[in-house]
Amino acid sequence: ALSEAADARVKSENEVRFLMREVAHRSKNQLTVIQAMLNQSAAGAENAGDFAEAFRKRVAGLARSTDLMIANATQGVNLAELAKNQLKPFTPDDATRVQIAGPAVLLDPQASQTLGMALHELSTNATKYGALANETGVVSLSWVASGENLNLVWRESRATIDRDVIAASRKGFGSVVLERMLGMALDAKLEFIVHDDGIEWRVTIPLARLRD
């Protein structure tokens, strides 16, 4: 009995140490992300009010992803739920202008945080100068699993295209999230297309990187 109790205590202590390391690791990741948000929000703001608003919204988006991550820590975050959660604050009164479709895909904490930020930035850009900046534009987010990859498509249509603005926006935090963080954190491959009526992002992510 004493031997079993000692083994159980060692196991419990190891689990606590593991959890503490995980908390420290994820906290450092989030602090790094918040610092990047701070720097880019400051660089793109014309005044203190613009900075505060942009930074607040980015932190709120990160918080929504974190809430989902905590609530679904054991089984993983559902991609559809994450997408609806991130796009909800940007959805117009006519909810049919935001379309989300795809099979059930579970994400680990790192993937859900990174994809959540990417969807927040895409939604922000669409609201500023994309499909959600007018009264008729449509945003379509879809994904399919093909072989060992997840193919995700963000397509904006019925938007008023300003190629100069689009080119400038790709230097901002949104593109940093998409091209660098998705690429580095999830080994994603990205393709950016400008159509006559809106932009399109095609993202290919190895399924193995979504559930590490």
N, C-alpha and C. Protein backbone atom coordinates (compact mmCIF):
# COMPACT_ATOMS: atom_id res chain seq x y z
N ALA A 1 0.83 -1.21 0.00
CA ALA A 1 0.00 0.00 0.00
C ALA A 1 0.86 1.26 0.00
N LEU A 2 1.95 1.23 0.83
CA LEU A 2 2.84 2.38 0.87
C LEU A 2 3.53 2.59 -0.48
N SER A 3 3.91 1.49 -1.13
CA SER A 3 4.57 1.58 -2.43
C SER A 3 3.62 2.17 -3.48
N GLU A 4 2.36 1.71 -3.47
CA GLU A 4 1.38 2.23 -4.41
C GLU A 4 1.11 3.71 -4.16
N ALA A 5 1.05 4.10 -2.89
CA ALA A 5 0.82 5.50 -2.54
C ALA A 5 1.99 6.37 -3.00
N ALA A 6 3.20 5.85 -2.84
CA ALA A 6 4.38 6.60 -3.27
C ALA A 6 4.40 6.77 -4.79
N ASP A 7 4.04 5.69 -5.50
CA ASP A 7 3.98 5.77 -6.96
C ASP A 7 2.93 6.79 -7.42
N ALA A 8 1.78 6.76 -6.75
CA ALA A 8 0.70 7.69 -7.10
C ALA A 8 1.13 9.14 -6.85
N ARG A 9 1.86 9.35 -5.75
CA ARG A 9 2.33 10.70 -5.42
C ARG A 9 3.34 11.19 -6.46
N VAL A 10 4.25 10.32 -6.86
CA VAL A 10 5.24 10.69 -7.89
C VAL A 10 4.53 11.03 -9.20
N LYS A 11 3.56 10.21 -9.57
CA LYS A 11 2.81 10.45 -10.80
C LYS A 11 2.09 11.79 -10.73
N SER A 12 1.46 12.06 -9.59
CA SER A 12 0.74 13.31 -9.41
C SER A 12 1.67 14.51 -9.50
N GLU A 13 2.84 14.41 -8.86
CA GLU A 13 3.81 15.50 -8.89
C GLU A 13 4.33 15.74 -10.31
N ASN A 14 4.54 14.66 -11.05
CA ASN A 14 4.98 14.80 -12.45
C ASN A 14 3.93 15.49 -13.30
N GLU A 15 2.66 15.16 -13.07
CA GLU A 15 1.58 15.79 -13.82
C GLU A 15 1.50 17.28 -13.51
N VAL A 16 1.68 17.63 -12.23
CA VAL A 16 1.66 19.04 -11.84
C VAL A 16 2.80 19.80 -12.50
N ARG A 17 4.00 19.21 -12.50
CA ARG A 17 5.14 19.87 -13.14
C ARG A 17 4.91 20.04 -14.63
N PHE A 18 4.33 19.01 -15.25
CA PHE A 18 4.03 19.10 -16.69
C PHE A 18 3.05 20.24 -16.97
N LEU A 19 1.99 20.32 -16.17
CA LEU A 19 1.00 21.38 -16.36
C LEU A 19 1.60 22.76 -16.14
N MET A 20 2.47 22.87 -15.15
CA MET A 20 3.13 24.16 -14.89
C MET A 20 4.01 24.58 -16.07
N ARG A 21 4.71 23.61 -16.66
CA ARG A 21 5.53 23.92 -17.84
C ARG A 21 4.66 24.35 -19.01
N GLU A 22 3.52 23.68 -19.18
CA GLU A 22 2.60 24.03 -20.26
C GLU A 22 2.05 25.44 -20.08
N VAL A 23 1.66 25.76 -18.83
CA VAL A 23 1.14 27.10 -18.55
C VAL A 23 2.20 28.15 -18.84
N ALA A 24 3.44 27.90 -18.40
CA ALA A 24 4.52 28.85 -18.63
C ALA A 24 4.78 29.02 -20.12
N HIS A 25 4.79 27.91 -20.86
CA HIS A 25 5.05 27.95 -22.30
C HIS A 25 3.97 28.75 -23.03
N ARG A 26 2.71 28.47 -22.72
CA ARG A 26 1.61 29.15 -23.41
C ARG A 26 1.55 30.63 -23.00
N SER A 27 1.88 30.91 -21.75
CA SER A 27 1.89 32.31 -21.31
C SER A 27 2.95 33.10 -22.07
N LYS A 28 4.13 32.51 -22.25
CA LYS A 28 5.18 33.18 -23.01
C LYS A 28 4.76 33.39 -24.46
N ASN A 29 4.09 32.39 -25.04
CA ASN A 29 3.61 32.54 -26.41
C ASN A 29 2.63 33.71 -26.52
N GLN A 30 1.71 33.78 -25.56
CA GLN A 30 0.71 34.84 -25.62
C GLN A 30 1.34 36.21 -25.41
N LEU A 31 2.33 36.29 -24.52
CA LEU A 31 3.00 37.57 -24.31
C LEU A 31 3.73 38.02 -25.57
N THR A 32 4.32 37.07 -26.29
CA THR A 32 4.98 37.40 -27.56
C THR A 32 3.97 37.91 -28.57
N VAL A 33 2.82 37.25 -28.64
CA VAL A 33 1.77 37.66 -29.56
C VAL A 33 1.25 39.05 -29.21
N ILE A 34 1.03 39.30 -27.92
CA ILE A 34 0.52 40.60 -27.48
C ILE A 34 1.53 41.70 -27.78
N GLN A 35 2.81 41.40 -27.61
CA GLN A 35 3.84 42.40 -27.92
C GLN A 35 3.81 42.74 -29.41
N ALA A 36 3.65 41.72 -30.27
CA ALA A 36 3.54 41.98 -31.70
C ALA A 36 2.31 42.81 -32.02
N MET A 37 1.20 42.51 -31.36
CA MET A 37 -0.03 43.30 -31.53
C MET A 37 0.21 44.76 -31.15
N LEU A 38 0.89 44.95 -30.03
CA LEU A 38 1.16 46.30 -29.53
C LEU A 38 2.00 47.09 -30.54
N ASN A 39 3.07 46.46 -31.01
CA ASN A 39 3.96 47.15 -31.94
C ASN A 39 3.25 47.50 -33.25
N GLN A 40 2.52 46.56 -33.81
CA GLN A 40 1.87 46.81 -35.08
C GLN A 40 0.69 47.76 -34.94
N SER A 41 -0.04 47.70 -33.84
CA SER A 41 -1.14 48.64 -33.62
C SER A 41 -0.62 50.06 -33.51
N ALA A 42 0.51 50.21 -32.82
CA ALA A 42 1.12 51.54 -32.67
C ALA A 42 1.64 52.06 -34.01
N ALA A 43 2.24 51.14 -34.82
CA ALA A 43 2.82 51.57 -36.10
C ALA A 43 1.74 52.00 -37.08
N GLY A 44 0.56 51.38 -37.01
CA GLY A 44 -0.49 51.69 -37.98
C GLY A 44 -1.49 52.72 -37.52
N ALA A 45 -1.32 53.27 -36.31
CA ALA A 45 -2.30 54.22 -35.77
C ALA A 45 -1.90 55.66 -36.06
N GLU A 46 -2.89 56.48 -36.37
CA GLU A 46 -2.64 57.90 -36.62
C GLU A 46 -2.73 58.72 -35.34
N ASN A 47 -3.43 58.19 -34.34
CA ASN A 47 -3.55 58.90 -33.06
C ASN A 47 -3.78 57.88 -31.95
N ALA A 48 -3.81 58.38 -30.72
CA ALA A 48 -3.94 57.49 -29.56
C ALA A 48 -5.26 56.74 -29.57
N GLY A 49 -6.32 57.39 -30.04
CA GLY A 49 -7.62 56.74 -30.08
C GLY A 49 -7.64 55.56 -31.04
N ASP A 50 -7.05 55.75 -32.23
CA ASP A 50 -6.98 54.66 -33.19
C ASP A 50 -6.16 53.49 -32.65
N PHE A 51 -5.05 53.82 -32.01
CA PHE A 51 -4.21 52.78 -31.43
C PHE A 51 -4.97 51.98 -30.38
N ALA A 52 -5.63 52.68 -29.46
CA ALA A 52 -6.35 52.00 -28.38
C ALA A 52 -7.45 51.09 -28.93
N GLU A 53 -8.17 51.58 -29.94
CA GLU A 53 -9.26 50.79 -30.52
C GLU A 53 -8.72 49.55 -31.23
N ALA A 54 -7.68 49.70 -32.04
CA ALA A 54 -7.11 48.56 -32.77
C ALA A 54 -6.53 47.53 -31.80
N PHE A 55 -5.81 48.02 -30.80
CA PHE A 55 -5.19 47.11 -29.84
C PHE A 55 -6.24 46.38 -29.02
N ARG A 56 -7.28 47.11 -28.60
CA ARG A 56 -8.35 46.49 -27.81
C ARG A 56 -9.03 45.37 -28.59
N LYS A 57 -9.32 45.61 -29.86
CA LYS A 57 -10.00 44.60 -30.66
C LYS A 57 -9.13 43.37 -30.88
N ARG A 58 -7.83 43.59 -31.07
CA ARG A 58 -6.94 42.45 -31.27
C ARG A 58 -6.83 41.61 -30.00
N VAL A 59 -6.73 42.26 -28.86
CA VAL A 59 -6.66 41.53 -27.60
C VAL A 59 -7.98 40.79 -27.35
N ALA A 60 -9.10 41.41 -27.70
CA ALA A 60 -10.40 40.76 -27.53
C ALA A 60 -10.49 39.51 -28.40
N GLY A 61 -9.97 39.59 -29.62
CA GLY A 61 -9.97 38.43 -30.49
C GLY A 61 -9.12 37.31 -29.93
N LEU A 62 -7.96 37.66 -29.38
CA LEU A 62 -7.09 36.66 -28.74
C LEU A 62 -7.79 36.05 -27.53
N ALA A 63 -8.51 36.87 -26.78
CA ALA A 63 -9.22 36.37 -25.60
C ALA A 63 -10.32 35.38 -25.98
N ARG A 64 -11.02 35.65 -27.10
CA ARG A 64 -12.07 34.72 -27.54
C ARG A 64 -11.48 33.36 -27.90
N SER A 65 -10.34 33.37 -28.58
CA SER A 65 -9.68 32.11 -28.91
C SER A 65 -9.22 31.38 -27.65
N THR A 66 -8.72 32.14 -26.67
CA THR A 66 -8.25 31.54 -25.43
C THR A 66 -9.41 30.92 -24.66
N ASP A 67 -10.56 31.59 -24.64
CA ASP A 67 -11.74 31.04 -23.96
C ASP A 67 -12.15 29.70 -24.56
N LEU A 68 -12.15 29.64 -25.90
CA LEU A 68 -12.50 28.38 -26.56
C LEU A 68 -11.47 27.30 -26.23
N MET A 69 -10.20 27.69 -26.23
CA MET A 69 -9.13 26.75 -25.95
C MET A 69 -9.29 26.15 -24.55
N ILE A 70 -9.59 27.00 -23.58
CA ILE A 70 -9.74 26.52 -22.20
C ILE A 70 -10.97 25.64 -22.06
N ALA A 71 -12.07 26.05 -22.70
CA ALA A 71 -13.32 25.29 -22.59
C ALA A 71 -13.23 23.92 -23.26
N ASN A 72 -12.32 23.79 -24.23
CA ASN A 72 -12.21 22.53 -24.97
C ASN A 72 -10.80 21.95 -24.88
N ALA A 73 -10.18 22.13 -23.73
CA ALA A 73 -8.77 21.77 -23.58
C ALA A 73 -8.51 20.29 -23.84
N THR A 74 -9.43 19.42 -23.46
CA THR A 74 -9.17 17.98 -23.56
C THR A 74 -9.46 17.43 -24.95
N GLN A 75 -10.58 17.86 -25.56
CA GLN A 75 -10.96 17.29 -26.84
C GLN A 75 -10.52 18.11 -28.05
N GLY A 76 -10.09 19.35 -27.85
CA GLY A 76 -9.67 20.19 -28.97
C GLY A 76 -10.75 21.18 -29.36
N VAL A 77 -10.34 22.26 -30.02
CA VAL A 77 -11.26 23.32 -30.44
C VAL A 77 -11.77 23.01 -31.84
N ASN A 78 -13.09 23.07 -32.02
CA ASN A 78 -13.69 22.84 -33.33
C ASN A 78 -13.46 24.06 -34.22
N LEU A 79 -12.94 23.83 -35.43
CA LEU A 79 -12.63 24.93 -36.34
C LEU A 79 -13.86 25.76 -36.67
N ALA A 80 -15.00 25.11 -36.88
CA ALA A 80 -16.23 25.85 -37.21
C ALA A 80 -16.64 26.77 -36.07
N GLU A 81 -16.51 26.27 -34.84
CA GLU A 81 -16.87 27.09 -33.67
C GLU A 81 -15.90 28.26 -33.53
N LEU A 82 -14.62 28.00 -33.77
CA LEU A 82 -13.62 29.06 -33.72
C LEU A 82 -13.93 30.13 -34.76
N ALA A 83 -14.25 29.72 -35.98
CA ALA A 83 -14.54 30.66 -37.06
C ALA A 83 -15.77 31.52 -36.74
N LYS A 84 -16.83 30.89 -36.28
CA LYS A 84 -18.04 31.64 -35.93
C LYS A 84 -17.76 32.61 -34.79
N ASN A 85 -16.96 32.17 -33.83
CA ASN A 85 -16.63 33.00 -32.68
C ASN A 85 -15.85 34.24 -33.10
N GLN A 86 -14.89 34.09 -34.02
CA GLN A 86 -14.06 35.20 -34.44
C GLN A 86 -14.79 36.14 -35.40
N LEU A 87 -15.66 35.62 -36.25
CA LEU A 87 -16.33 36.45 -37.25
C LEU A 87 -17.60 37.11 -36.72
N LYS A 88 -18.14 36.61 -35.61
CA LYS A 88 -19.39 37.15 -35.09
C LYS A 88 -19.38 38.65 -34.86
N PRO A 89 -18.31 39.23 -34.24
CA PRO A 89 -18.32 40.68 -34.01
C PRO A 89 -18.32 41.51 -35.30
N PHE A 90 -17.95 40.91 -36.42
CA PHE A 90 -17.85 41.64 -37.68
C PHE A 90 -19.03 41.36 -38.60
N THR A 91 -19.90 40.44 -38.22
CA THR A 91 -21.01 40.05 -39.09
C THR A 91 -22.05 41.16 -39.17
N PRO A 92 -22.45 41.58 -40.39
CA PRO A 92 -23.47 42.63 -40.55
C PRO A 92 -24.84 42.15 -40.09
N ASP A 93 -25.81 43.07 -40.08
CA ASP A 93 -27.18 42.69 -39.72
C ASP A 93 -27.70 41.60 -40.63
N ASP A 94 -27.33 41.68 -41.91
CA ASP A 94 -27.68 40.61 -42.85
C ASP A 94 -26.64 39.50 -42.72
N ALA A 95 -26.96 38.52 -41.88
CA ALA A 95 -25.98 37.47 -41.56
C ALA A 95 -25.62 36.61 -42.75
N THR A 96 -26.41 36.64 -43.82
CA THR A 96 -26.10 35.82 -45.00
C THR A 96 -24.87 36.33 -45.73
N ARG A 97 -24.40 37.52 -45.37
CA ARG A 97 -23.21 38.07 -46.03
C ARG A 97 -21.91 37.45 -45.49
N VAL A 98 -22.01 36.65 -44.45
CA VAL A 98 -20.86 35.90 -43.92
C VAL A 98 -21.21 34.42 -43.95
N GLN A 99 -20.49 33.67 -44.76
CA GLN A 99 -20.79 32.26 -44.98
C GLN A 99 -19.62 31.40 -44.52
N ILE A 100 -19.91 30.42 -43.66
CA ILE A 100 -18.88 29.53 -43.12
C ILE A 100 -19.29 28.08 -43.38
N ALA A 101 -18.41 27.31 -43.99
CA ALA A 101 -18.75 25.92 -44.30
C ALA A 101 -17.50 25.06 -44.29
N GLY A 102 -17.64 23.87 -43.72
CA GLY A 102 -16.52 22.94 -43.71
C GLY A 102 -16.79 21.79 -42.75
N PRO A 103 -16.10 20.68 -42.92
CA PRO A 103 -16.28 19.52 -42.03
C PRO A 103 -15.69 19.77 -40.65
N ALA A 104 -16.01 18.89 -39.73
CA ALA A 104 -15.50 19.00 -38.36
C ALA A 104 -13.98 18.77 -38.36
N VAL A 105 -13.26 19.73 -37.79
CA VAL A 105 -11.81 19.64 -37.66
C VAL A 105 -11.45 20.13 -36.27
N LEU A 106 -10.71 19.32 -35.51
CA LEU A 106 -10.31 19.70 -34.16
C LEU A 106 -8.91 20.29 -34.16
N LEU A 107 -8.71 21.34 -33.37
CA LEU A 107 -7.44 22.05 -33.31
C LEU A 107 -6.85 21.98 -31.92
N ASP A 108 -5.53 21.92 -31.86
CA ASP A 108 -4.88 22.01 -30.56
C ASP A 108 -4.76 23.47 -30.15
N PRO A 109 -4.34 23.78 -28.92
CA PRO A 109 -4.31 25.18 -28.46
C PRO A 109 -3.49 26.12 -29.34
N GLN A 110 -2.31 25.68 -29.77
CA GLN A 110 -1.46 26.54 -30.60
C GLN A 110 -2.13 26.85 -31.93
N ALA A 111 -2.69 25.83 -32.57
CA ALA A 111 -3.34 26.03 -33.87
C ALA A 111 -4.58 26.91 -33.73
N SER A 112 -5.36 26.70 -32.67
CA SER A 112 -6.58 27.51 -32.50
C SER A 112 -6.23 28.97 -32.24
N GLN A 113 -5.17 29.23 -31.49
CA GLN A 113 -4.77 30.61 -31.23
C GLN A 113 -4.29 31.28 -32.51
N THR A 114 -3.46 30.59 -33.28
CA THR A 114 -2.92 31.17 -34.50
C THR A 114 -4.01 31.40 -35.54
N LEU A 115 -4.86 30.40 -35.76
CA LEU A 115 -5.94 30.55 -36.73
C LEU A 115 -6.96 31.59 -36.27
N GLY A 116 -7.21 31.65 -34.97
CA GLY A 116 -8.13 32.66 -34.45
C GLY A 116 -7.64 34.07 -34.74
N MET A 117 -6.35 34.31 -34.54
CA MET A 117 -5.78 35.61 -34.85
C MET A 117 -5.86 35.92 -36.34
N ALA A 118 -5.57 34.91 -37.16
CA ALA A 118 -5.62 35.10 -38.61
C ALA A 118 -7.04 35.48 -39.06
N LEU A 119 -8.04 34.79 -38.53
CA LEU A 119 -9.42 35.09 -38.91
C LEU A 119 -9.84 36.47 -38.42
N HIS A 120 -9.35 36.86 -37.25
CA HIS A 120 -9.65 38.20 -36.74
C HIS A 120 -9.08 39.27 -37.67
N GLU A 121 -7.85 39.08 -38.11
CA GLU A 121 -7.22 40.07 -38.98
C GLU A 121 -7.88 40.11 -40.35
N LEU A 122 -8.25 38.96 -40.89
CA LEU A 122 -8.96 38.93 -42.17
C LEU A 122 -10.30 39.66 -42.05
N SER A 123 -10.99 39.45 -40.95
CA SER A 123 -12.28 40.11 -40.74
C SER A 123 -12.10 41.62 -40.59
N THR A 124 -11.05 42.03 -39.87
CA THR A 124 -10.76 43.45 -39.71
C THR A 124 -10.50 44.11 -41.05
N ASN A 125 -9.68 43.47 -41.88
CA ASN A 125 -9.37 44.02 -43.20
C ASN A 125 -10.62 44.09 -44.08
N ALA A 126 -11.46 43.05 -44.00
CA ALA A 126 -12.69 43.04 -44.79
C ALA A 126 -13.62 44.17 -44.38
N THR A 127 -13.62 44.50 -43.09
CA THR A 127 -14.48 45.58 -42.58
C THR A 127 -13.95 46.95 -42.97
N LYS A 128 -12.63 47.09 -43.02
CA LYS A 128 -12.03 48.38 -43.35
C LYS A 128 -12.12 48.71 -44.83
N TYR A 129 -11.73 47.76 -45.68
CA TYR A 129 -11.69 48.08 -47.11
C TYR A 129 -11.95 46.87 -47.99
N GLY A 130 -12.70 45.90 -47.48
CA GLY A 130 -13.03 44.71 -48.26
C GLY A 130 -14.53 44.53 -48.42
N ALA A 131 -14.94 43.28 -48.42
CA ALA A 131 -16.33 42.95 -48.71
C ALA A 131 -17.31 43.44 -47.64
N LEU A 132 -16.83 43.64 -46.41
CA LEU A 132 -17.72 44.10 -45.35
C LEU A 132 -17.67 45.61 -45.16
N ALA A 133 -16.99 46.32 -46.09
CA ALA A 133 -16.91 47.78 -46.01
C ALA A 133 -18.06 48.44 -46.77
N ASN A 134 -18.86 47.64 -47.50
CA ASN A 134 -20.02 48.20 -48.20
C ASN A 134 -21.29 47.48 -47.73
N GLU A 135 -22.37 47.66 -48.47
CA GLU A 135 -23.65 47.10 -48.05
C GLU A 135 -23.99 45.80 -48.77
N THR A 136 -23.15 45.36 -49.71
CA THR A 136 -23.50 44.19 -50.51
C THR A 136 -22.43 43.10 -50.52
N GLY A 137 -21.24 43.39 -50.01
CA GLY A 137 -20.14 42.42 -50.08
C GLY A 137 -20.41 41.15 -49.29
N VAL A 138 -19.77 40.07 -49.71
CA VAL A 138 -19.94 38.76 -49.07
C VAL A 138 -18.58 38.17 -48.73
N VAL A 139 -18.48 37.59 -47.55
CA VAL A 139 -17.28 36.87 -47.13
C VAL A 139 -17.63 35.39 -47.03
N SER A 140 -16.83 34.57 -47.69
CA SER A 140 -17.04 33.13 -47.64
C SER A 140 -15.79 32.45 -47.11
N LEU A 141 -15.94 31.71 -46.04
CA LEU A 141 -14.84 30.94 -45.45
C LEU A 141 -15.21 29.46 -45.56
N SER A 142 -14.36 28.69 -46.23
CA SER A 142 -14.64 27.26 -46.39
C SER A 142 -13.35 26.47 -46.27
N TRP A 143 -13.49 25.20 -45.95
CA TRP A 143 -12.32 24.33 -45.85
C TRP A 143 -12.72 22.89 -46.13
N VAL A 144 -11.75 22.12 -46.63
CA VAL A 144 -11.93 20.69 -46.86
C VAL A 144 -10.63 19.98 -46.48
N ALA A 145 -10.77 18.75 -46.04
CA ALA A 145 -9.60 17.92 -45.77
C ALA A 145 -9.31 17.12 -47.03
N SER A 146 -8.09 17.22 -47.51
CA SER A 146 -7.69 16.51 -48.73
C SER A 146 -6.38 15.80 -48.48
N GLY A 147 -6.43 14.48 -48.40
CA GLY A 147 -5.22 13.73 -48.09
C GLY A 147 -4.70 14.07 -46.71
N GLU A 148 -3.48 14.55 -46.63
CA GLU A 148 -2.87 14.89 -45.34
C GLU A 148 -2.95 16.38 -45.04
N ASN A 149 -3.70 17.13 -45.85
CA ASN A 149 -3.76 18.59 -45.69
C ASN A 149 -5.17 19.09 -45.47
N LEU A 150 -5.24 20.27 -44.85
CA LEU A 150 -6.48 21.03 -44.76
C LEU A 150 -6.35 22.20 -45.74
N ASN A 151 -7.29 22.29 -46.67
CA ASN A 151 -7.30 23.39 -47.64
C ASN A 151 -8.38 24.38 -47.23
N LEU A 152 -7.95 25.56 -46.84
CA LEU A 152 -8.86 26.60 -46.34
C LEU A 152 -8.86 27.78 -47.31
N VAL A 153 -10.06 28.29 -47.60
CA VAL A 153 -10.20 29.40 -48.55
C VAL A 153 -11.01 30.53 -47.92
N TRP A 154 -10.44 31.73 -47.92
CA TRP A 154 -11.15 32.95 -47.52
C TRP A 154 -11.39 33.76 -48.80
N ARG A 155 -12.64 33.91 -49.19
CA ARG A 155 -12.97 34.59 -50.44
C ARG A 155 -13.94 35.73 -50.18
N GLU A 156 -13.55 36.93 -50.61
CA GLU A 156 -14.43 38.09 -50.53
C GLU A 156 -14.94 38.42 -51.93
N SER A 157 -16.23 38.71 -52.02
CA SER A 157 -16.83 39.03 -53.31
C SER A 157 -17.76 40.24 -53.17
N ARG A 158 -18.10 40.85 -54.31
CA ARG A 158 -18.94 42.06 -54.36
C ARG A 158 -18.32 43.22 -53.59
N ALA A 159 -17.00 43.22 -53.52
CA ALA A 159 -16.29 44.30 -52.84
C ALA A 159 -15.82 45.34 -53.85
N THR A 160 -15.58 46.55 -53.35
CA THR A 160 -14.99 47.60 -54.17
C THR A 160 -13.48 47.50 -54.05
N ILE A 161 -12.81 47.22 -55.17
CA ILE A 161 -11.38 46.94 -55.15
C ILE A 161 -10.55 48.20 -55.35
N ASP A 162 -9.63 48.42 -54.43
CA ASP A 162 -8.61 49.47 -54.56
C ASP A 162 -7.27 48.77 -54.41
N ARG A 163 -6.61 48.52 -55.52
CA ARG A 163 -5.39 47.72 -55.50
C ARG A 163 -4.26 48.39 -54.70
N ASP A 164 -4.24 49.73 -54.69
CA ASP A 164 -3.21 50.42 -53.91
C ASP A 164 -3.41 50.18 -52.42
N VAL A 165 -4.67 50.24 -51.98
CA VAL A 165 -4.97 49.99 -50.57
C VAL A 165 -4.65 48.55 -50.21
N ILE A 166 -4.99 47.62 -51.10
CA ILE A 166 -4.71 46.21 -50.86
C ILE A 166 -3.20 45.98 -50.72
N ALA A 167 -2.45 46.59 -51.61
CA ALA A 167 -0.99 46.45 -51.55
C ALA A 167 -0.43 46.99 -50.24
N ALA A 168 -0.97 48.14 -49.79
CA ALA A 168 -0.51 48.73 -48.53
C ALA A 168 -0.90 47.87 -47.34
N SER A 169 -2.09 47.29 -47.39
CA SER A 169 -2.58 46.49 -46.25
C SER A 169 -1.75 45.24 -46.05
N ARG A 170 -1.12 44.74 -47.10
CA ARG A 170 -0.33 43.52 -46.98
C ARG A 170 0.96 43.74 -46.20
N LYS A 171 1.27 45.00 -45.91
CA LYS A 171 2.44 45.29 -45.09
C LYS A 171 2.08 45.37 -43.60
N GLY A 172 0.78 45.25 -43.29
CA GLY A 172 0.33 45.40 -41.92
C GLY A 172 0.35 44.11 -41.12
N PHE A 173 -0.19 44.20 -39.91
CA PHE A 173 -0.14 43.07 -38.97
C PHE A 173 -0.90 41.86 -39.50
N GLY A 174 -2.01 42.10 -40.24
CA GLY A 174 -2.80 40.99 -40.76
C GLY A 174 -1.99 40.07 -41.63
N SER A 175 -1.20 40.63 -42.52
CA SER A 175 -0.37 39.80 -43.40
C SER A 175 0.78 39.15 -42.64
N VAL A 176 1.27 39.82 -41.61
CA VAL A 176 2.30 39.21 -40.77
C VAL A 176 1.75 37.94 -40.12
N VAL A 177 0.54 38.03 -39.60
CA VAL A 177 -0.11 36.87 -38.98
C VAL A 177 -0.29 35.75 -40.01
N LEU A 178 -0.82 36.12 -41.17
CA LEU A 178 -1.11 35.11 -42.18
C LEU A 178 0.16 34.48 -42.75
N GLU A 179 1.05 35.30 -43.24
CA GLU A 179 2.19 34.78 -43.98
C GLU A 179 3.31 34.26 -43.08
N ARG A 180 3.54 34.93 -41.96
CA ARG A 180 4.63 34.49 -41.09
C ARG A 180 4.18 33.50 -40.02
N MET A 181 3.15 33.88 -39.27
CA MET A 181 2.75 33.02 -38.17
C MET A 181 2.14 31.71 -38.66
N LEU A 182 1.25 31.78 -39.66
CA LEU A 182 0.70 30.54 -40.19
C LEU A 182 1.79 29.69 -40.82
N GLY A 183 2.70 30.35 -41.53
CA GLY A 183 3.78 29.62 -42.16
C GLY A 183 4.73 29.00 -41.16
N MET A 184 5.13 29.78 -40.15
CA MET A 184 6.11 29.30 -39.18
C MET A 184 5.50 28.35 -38.15
N ALA A 185 4.32 28.71 -37.65
CA ALA A 185 3.72 27.92 -36.58
C ALA A 185 3.06 26.65 -37.09
N LEU A 186 2.49 26.71 -38.30
CA LEU A 186 1.71 25.58 -38.79
C LEU A 186 2.21 25.00 -40.11
N ASP A 187 3.36 25.46 -40.58
CA ASP A 187 3.90 25.00 -41.86
C ASP A 187 2.91 25.21 -43.00
N ALA A 188 2.15 26.29 -42.94
CA ALA A 188 1.13 26.54 -43.95
C ALA A 188 1.75 27.12 -45.23
N LYS A 189 1.12 26.81 -46.34
CA LYS A 189 1.46 27.42 -47.63
C LYS A 189 0.29 28.32 -48.04
N LEU A 190 0.62 29.55 -48.43
CA LEU A 190 -0.43 30.53 -48.70
C LEU A 190 -0.33 31.06 -50.12
N GLU A 191 -1.49 31.34 -50.69
CA GLU A 191 -1.59 31.97 -52.00
C GLU A 191 -2.58 33.12 -51.91
N PHE A 192 -2.17 34.30 -52.37
CA PHE A 192 -3.00 35.49 -52.31
C PHE A 192 -3.41 35.88 -53.73
N ILE A 193 -4.72 36.06 -53.94
CA ILE A 193 -5.25 36.37 -55.27
C ILE A 193 -6.14 37.60 -55.16
N VAL A 194 -5.98 38.52 -56.10
CA VAL A 194 -6.86 39.69 -56.18
C VAL A 194 -7.79 39.52 -57.38
N HIS A 195 -9.08 39.35 -57.10
CA HIS A 195 -10.09 39.25 -58.15
C HIS A 195 -10.66 40.64 -58.42
N ASP A 196 -11.44 40.76 -59.46
CA ASP A 196 -12.05 42.05 -59.80
C ASP A 196 -13.06 42.50 -58.74
N ASP A 197 -13.61 41.55 -57.99
CA ASP A 197 -14.65 41.91 -57.01
C ASP A 197 -14.25 41.58 -55.58
N GLY A 198 -12.97 41.27 -55.33
CA GLY A 198 -12.56 40.98 -53.96
C GLY A 198 -11.31 40.12 -53.90
N ILE A 199 -10.73 40.04 -52.71
CA ILE A 199 -9.50 39.28 -52.53
C ILE A 199 -9.80 37.84 -52.14
N GLU A 200 -8.77 37.00 -52.26
CA GLU A 200 -8.91 35.59 -51.88
C GLU A 200 -7.59 35.11 -51.29
N TRP A 201 -7.71 34.39 -50.18
CA TRP A 201 -6.56 33.71 -49.58
C TRP A 201 -6.81 32.21 -49.65
N ARG A 202 -5.83 31.48 -50.16
CA ARG A 202 -5.89 30.02 -50.15
C ARG A 202 -4.76 29.51 -49.24
N VAL A 203 -5.15 28.74 -48.24
CA VAL A 203 -4.20 28.30 -47.22
C VAL A 203 -4.21 26.78 -47.15
N THR A 204 -3.04 26.19 -47.24
CA THR A 204 -2.89 24.74 -47.12
C THR A 204 -2.06 24.43 -45.88
N ILE A 205 -2.66 23.66 -44.95
CA ILE A 205 -2.00 23.36 -43.68
C ILE A 205 -1.97 21.83 -43.49
N PRO A 206 -0.81 21.28 -43.15
CA PRO A 206 -0.76 19.83 -42.83
C PRO A 206 -1.67 19.53 -41.64
N LEU A 207 -2.54 18.55 -41.80
CA LEU A 207 -3.47 18.21 -40.72
C LEU A 207 -2.73 17.83 -39.44
N ALA A 208 -1.55 17.23 -39.60
CA ALA A 208 -0.78 16.81 -38.42
C ALA A 208 -0.40 18.00 -37.55
N ARG A 209 -0.24 19.20 -38.16
CA ARG A 209 0.16 20.38 -37.39
C ARG A 209 -1.01 21.01 -36.64
N LEU A 210 -2.23 20.58 -36.94
CA LEU A 210 -3.41 21.13 -36.27
C LEU A 210 -3.69 20.42 -34.95
N ARG A 211 -3.18 19.20 -34.82
CA ARG A 211 -3.34 18.44 -33.57
C ARG A 211 -1.99 17.89 -33.18
N ASP A 212 -1.12 18.76 -32.67
CA ASP A 212 0.24 18.34 -32.33
C ASP A 212 0.20 17.46 -31.10
